[in-house]
Amino acid sequence: MTKNRLVVYCTPYLATIIVPLICLFIEKEKINCKVVHQYHDPKSDSASELLALRKVDLVFDIDPIYDSSIYSEALFYEQRCLVCRSDHPRIKETANIEALRQESFSIFDSSANSVKRSQSELAKLFEQRKFALRTSSILAMAAVAESTDLVAVVTERFYQQIHSSFNIKKIKTNITFAPNPIYMSYKKVNMQDEISQKIIDHIHKVFPLAAENKR
């Protein structure tokens, strides 16, 4: 961190979870620090490169970073669920795998290894499922789900945040998805900075799983 400026790198969705708790902590502790949230085109510099070049201070992502100079810790796990529009013509409150295999899906577009594993898991469950939308925006998935007959896979947390604003419902099913981990990564040298250490320690308290899962 330089000049009391903390640069946080994560997707807009993860920013809704992480950035508020950092800003609230800084406000309560009266720390002289400005928070800058960034998220670049994934095709540009990778998160590990941004950390190595000291362009960002904290990275929150669905994949860990493997580098001897970087701590990469699992913060929490995201559960996933299936959603569709509230007045979907074929899906009522519940649906089985056979019925869902007849539907078209939207897919989250990402090169992250965790997302690829999730997509492989879904491919095994639904076999030759049809994809009608590919997007890197979870908000776009929700907006399309409420306007069409497409089925989407979103995180449980996201659904709880937005279901009252979108005309969508969670599909009750006996399908169990493997949870996806969310990682926090930062340069080890950051712990030598007093403000950075305070913020990281606070995040550890909010997400105690992190302190137990340093890579």
Protein backbone atom coordinates (compact mmCIF):
# COMPACT_ATOMS: atom_id res chain seq x y z
CA MET A 1 0.00 0.00 0.00
CA THR A 2 1.34 3.42 -0.92
CA LYS A 3 0.33 6.90 0.22
CA ASN A 4 -2.55 5.59 2.35
CA ARG A 5 -4.23 4.14 -0.72
CA LEU A 6 -5.51 0.56 -0.67
CA VAL A 7 -6.25 -0.90 -4.11
CA VAL A 8 -8.70 -3.80 -4.06
CA TYR A 9 -9.05 -5.96 -7.16
CA CYS A 10 -12.15 -8.16 -7.63
CA THR A 11 -15.26 -8.59 -9.74
CA PRO A 12 -18.19 -6.19 -9.18
CA TYR A 13 -20.11 -9.03 -7.52
CA LEU A 14 -17.35 -9.81 -5.01
CA ALA A 15 -16.93 -6.08 -4.45
CA THR A 16 -20.47 -5.98 -3.01
CA ILE A 17 -19.31 -8.45 -0.34
CA ILE A 18 -15.76 -7.31 0.36
CA VAL A 19 -15.49 -3.56 -0.24
CA PRO A 20 -18.25 -2.51 2.20
CA LEU A 21 -16.67 -4.39 5.11
CA ILE A 22 -13.26 -2.83 4.38
CA CYS A 23 -14.72 0.68 4.10
CA LEU A 24 -16.75 0.23 7.28
CA PHE A 25 -13.68 -0.93 9.20
CA ILE A 26 -11.63 2.03 7.97
CA GLU A 27 -14.44 4.40 8.91
CA LYS A 28 -14.92 2.96 12.40
CA GLU A 29 -11.20 2.84 13.14
CA LYS A 30 -10.68 6.33 11.68
CA ILE A 31 -7.85 5.07 9.51
CA ASN A 32 -6.42 7.56 7.06
CA CYS A 33 -6.78 5.41 3.99
CA LYS A 34 -8.60 5.69 0.67
CA VAL A 35 -10.01 2.50 -0.88
CA VAL A 36 -9.80 2.10 -4.65
CA HIS A 37 -11.75 -0.75 -6.26
CA GLN A 38 -10.54 -1.98 -9.63
CA TYR A 39 -11.52 -4.70 -12.03
CA HIS A 40 -9.88 -4.89 -15.44
CA ASP A 41 -10.62 -6.85 -18.57
CA PRO A 42 -9.57 -10.44 -17.68
CA LYS A 43 -7.66 -10.54 -20.97
CA SER A 44 -5.33 -7.80 -19.75
CA ASP A 45 -2.81 -8.17 -16.89
CA SER A 46 -3.63 -11.11 -14.64
CA ALA A 47 -4.29 -10.63 -10.93
CA SER A 48 -0.94 -12.26 -10.08
CA GLU A 49 0.87 -9.85 -12.42
CA LEU A 50 -0.92 -6.87 -10.89
CA LEU A 51 0.13 -8.02 -7.42
CA ALA A 52 3.70 -8.66 -8.52
CA LEU A 53 3.93 -5.19 -10.05
CA ARG A 54 2.47 -3.67 -6.86
CA LYS A 55 -0.41 -2.18 -8.88
CA VAL A 56 -2.97 -3.68 -6.48
CA ASP A 57 -2.83 -4.58 -2.78
CA LEU A 58 -5.58 -7.15 -2.27
CA VAL A 59 -7.05 -9.58 -4.77
CA PHE A 60 -10.30 -11.47 -4.21
CA ASP A 61 -10.99 -14.19 -6.75
CA ILE A 62 -12.35 -17.67 -7.27
CA ASP A 63 -8.85 -19.01 -7.96
CA PRO A 64 -5.79 -18.93 -5.69
CA ILE A 65 -2.47 -17.45 -6.82
CA TYR A 66 0.56 -19.75 -6.63
CA ASP A 67 3.62 -17.62 -5.94
CA SER A 68 6.20 -17.89 -3.16
CA SER A 69 5.94 -14.13 -2.49
CA ILE A 70 2.14 -14.16 -2.19
CA TYR A 71 -0.27 -15.40 0.47
CA SER A 72 -3.41 -16.91 -1.07
CA GLU A 73 -6.10 -17.87 1.43
CA ALA A 74 -9.58 -19.36 1.11
CA LEU A 75 -11.94 -16.80 2.69
CA PHE A 76 -15.33 -18.45 2.34
CA TYR A 77 -17.33 -20.81 0.15
CA GLU A 78 -20.13 -19.85 -2.21
CA GLN A 79 -23.10 -22.16 -2.53
CA ARG A 80 -24.89 -22.24 -5.88
CA CYS A 81 -28.53 -22.61 -6.87
CA LEU A 82 -30.69 -22.78 -9.99
CA VAL A 83 -33.02 -19.88 -10.82
CA CYS A 84 -35.60 -19.07 -13.47
CA ARG A 85 -38.34 -16.48 -13.96
CA SER A 86 -41.17 -16.61 -11.46
CA ASP A 87 -43.81 -17.43 -14.07
CA HIS A 88 -41.76 -19.96 -16.02
CA PRO A 89 -44.25 -21.99 -18.13
CA ARG A 90 -42.76 -25.42 -17.33
CA ILE A 91 -40.88 -25.08 -14.04
CA LYS A 92 -43.00 -24.67 -10.94
CA GLU A 93 -41.54 -24.74 -7.43
CA THR A 94 -39.56 -27.94 -7.94
CA ALA A 95 -37.87 -29.65 -10.88
CA ASN A 96 -35.87 -32.83 -11.37
CA ILE A 97 -32.81 -33.37 -13.53
CA GLU A 98 -34.82 -34.92 -16.36
CA ALA A 99 -37.05 -31.85 -16.63
CA LEU A 100 -34.13 -29.43 -16.44
CA ARG A 101 -32.31 -31.26 -19.22
CA GLN A 102 -35.06 -30.04 -21.56
CA GLU A 103 -34.36 -26.39 -20.75
CA SER A 104 -31.89 -23.89 -22.17
CA PHE A 105 -29.28 -22.37 -19.85
CA SER A 106 -27.21 -19.25 -19.49
CA ILE A 107 -23.57 -19.86 -18.64
CA PHE A 108 -21.08 -17.76 -16.69
CA ASP A 109 -18.15 -17.00 -18.99
CA SER A 110 -14.77 -17.18 -17.28
CA SER A 111 -11.37 -18.76 -17.83
CA ALA A 112 -10.95 -19.35 -14.08
CA ASN A 113 -10.17 -22.95 -13.16
CA SER A 114 -12.91 -22.99 -10.50
CA VAL A 115 -15.51 -21.93 -13.06
CA LYS A 116 -14.28 -24.54 -15.53
CA ARG A 117 -14.65 -27.22 -12.85
CA SER A 118 -18.17 -26.01 -12.10
CA GLN A 119 -19.06 -26.08 -15.79
CA SER A 120 -17.73 -29.62 -16.06
CA GLU A 121 -19.85 -30.60 -13.06
CA LEU A 122 -22.95 -29.11 -14.68
CA ALA A 123 -22.18 -30.80 -17.99
CA LYS A 124 -22.16 -34.19 -16.24
CA LEU A 125 -25.43 -33.44 -14.45
CA PHE A 126 -27.37 -32.12 -17.43
CA GLU A 127 -25.54 -33.92 -20.24
CA GLN A 128 -26.27 -32.16 -23.54
CA ARG A 129 -27.80 -29.03 -22.03
CA LYS A 130 -28.43 -26.16 -24.41
CA PHE A 131 -26.64 -22.82 -23.92
CA ALA A 132 -28.43 -19.72 -25.15
CA LEU A 133 -26.39 -17.08 -23.32
CA ARG A 134 -22.74 -16.77 -22.35
CA THR A 135 -21.85 -13.77 -20.17
CA SER A 136 -19.29 -12.68 -17.59
CA SER A 137 -21.95 -10.64 -15.75
CA ILE A 138 -23.99 -12.34 -13.05
CA LEU A 139 -26.37 -9.35 -13.16
CA ALA A 140 -26.95 -9.97 -16.86
CA MET A 141 -27.78 -13.60 -16.07
CA ALA A 142 -30.44 -12.50 -13.57
CA ALA A 143 -31.89 -9.92 -15.96
CA VAL A 144 -32.13 -12.46 -18.78
CA ALA A 145 -33.56 -15.12 -16.46
CA GLU A 146 -36.48 -12.88 -15.48
CA SER A 147 -37.27 -12.02 -19.12
CA THR A 148 -36.89 -15.41 -20.82
CA ASP A 149 -37.29 -19.13 -20.17
CA LEU A 150 -33.56 -19.61 -19.60
CA VAL A 151 -32.33 -21.32 -16.44
CA ALA A 152 -29.30 -19.84 -14.68
CA VAL A 153 -26.90 -21.05 -12.02
CA VAL A 154 -26.06 -18.26 -9.56
CA THR A 155 -24.67 -18.11 -6.06
CA GLU A 156 -27.08 -18.48 -3.14
CA ARG A 157 -25.79 -15.20 -1.69
CA PHE A 158 -26.47 -13.35 -4.94
CA TYR A 159 -29.97 -14.78 -5.17
CA GLN A 160 -30.76 -13.63 -1.62
CA GLN A 161 -29.46 -10.15 -2.47
CA ILE A 162 -31.44 -9.60 -5.66
CA HIS A 163 -34.47 -11.91 -5.83
CA SER A 164 -36.82 -9.19 -4.57
CA SER A 165 -35.62 -6.86 -7.35
CA PHE A 166 -35.82 -9.38 -10.18
CA ASN A 167 -38.79 -11.49 -11.22
CA ILE A 168 -36.98 -14.75 -10.52
CA LYS A 169 -37.37 -17.73 -8.21
CA LYS A 170 -35.05 -20.41 -6.88
CA ILE A 171 -35.77 -23.86 -8.26
CA LYS A 172 -36.10 -26.48 -5.55
CA THR A 173 -34.26 -29.62 -6.57
CA ASN A 174 -32.37 -32.53 -5.07
CA ILE A 175 -29.23 -31.53 -6.98
CA THR A 176 -26.25 -30.74 -4.74
CA PHE A 177 -23.55 -28.50 -6.14
CA ALA A 178 -20.01 -28.48 -4.81
CA PRO A 179 -19.36 -25.06 -3.19
CA ASN A 180 -16.86 -22.69 -4.82
CA PRO A 181 -14.10 -21.17 -2.65
CA ILE A 182 -13.31 -17.45 -2.74
CA TYR A 183 -9.66 -16.54 -2.15
CA MET A 184 -7.90 -13.46 -0.81
CA SER A 185 -4.36 -12.93 -2.15
CA TYR A 186 -1.75 -10.35 -1.20
CA LYS A 187 2.00 -9.83 -1.21
CA LYS A 188 3.69 -11.13 1.95
CA VAL A 189 5.52 -7.83 2.21
CA ASN A 190 2.14 -6.13 2.75
CA MET A 191 2.12 -7.48 6.29
CA GLN A 192 5.02 -5.12 7.05
CA ASP A 193 2.69 -2.17 6.49
CA GLU A 194 0.69 -1.34 9.63
CA ILE A 195 -2.52 -0.27 7.89
CA SER A 196 -2.50 -3.23 5.49
CA GLN A 197 -1.97 -5.62 8.39
CA LYS A 198 -4.88 -4.12 10.34
CA ILE A 199 -7.22 -4.49 7.36
CA ILE A 200 -6.08 -8.04 6.59
CA ASP A 201 -6.43 -9.02 10.27
CA HIS A 202 -9.96 -7.62 10.25
CA ILE A 203 -10.86 -9.66 7.16
CA HIS A 204 -9.50 -12.74 8.96
CA LYS A 205 -11.86 -12.04 11.85
CA VAL A 206 -14.86 -11.69 9.52
CA PHE A 207 -13.86 -14.81 7.57
CA PRO A 208 -12.01 -17.03 10.10
CA LEU A 209 -11.58 -19.72 7.47
CA ALA A 210 -8.82 -17.60 5.89
CA ALA A 211 -6.40 -17.85 8.81
CA GLU A 212 -6.63 -21.64 8.60
CA ASN A 213 -6.09 -21.95 4.84
CA LYS A 214 -2.96 -20.04 3.88
CA ARG A 215 -1.36 -21.50 0.78
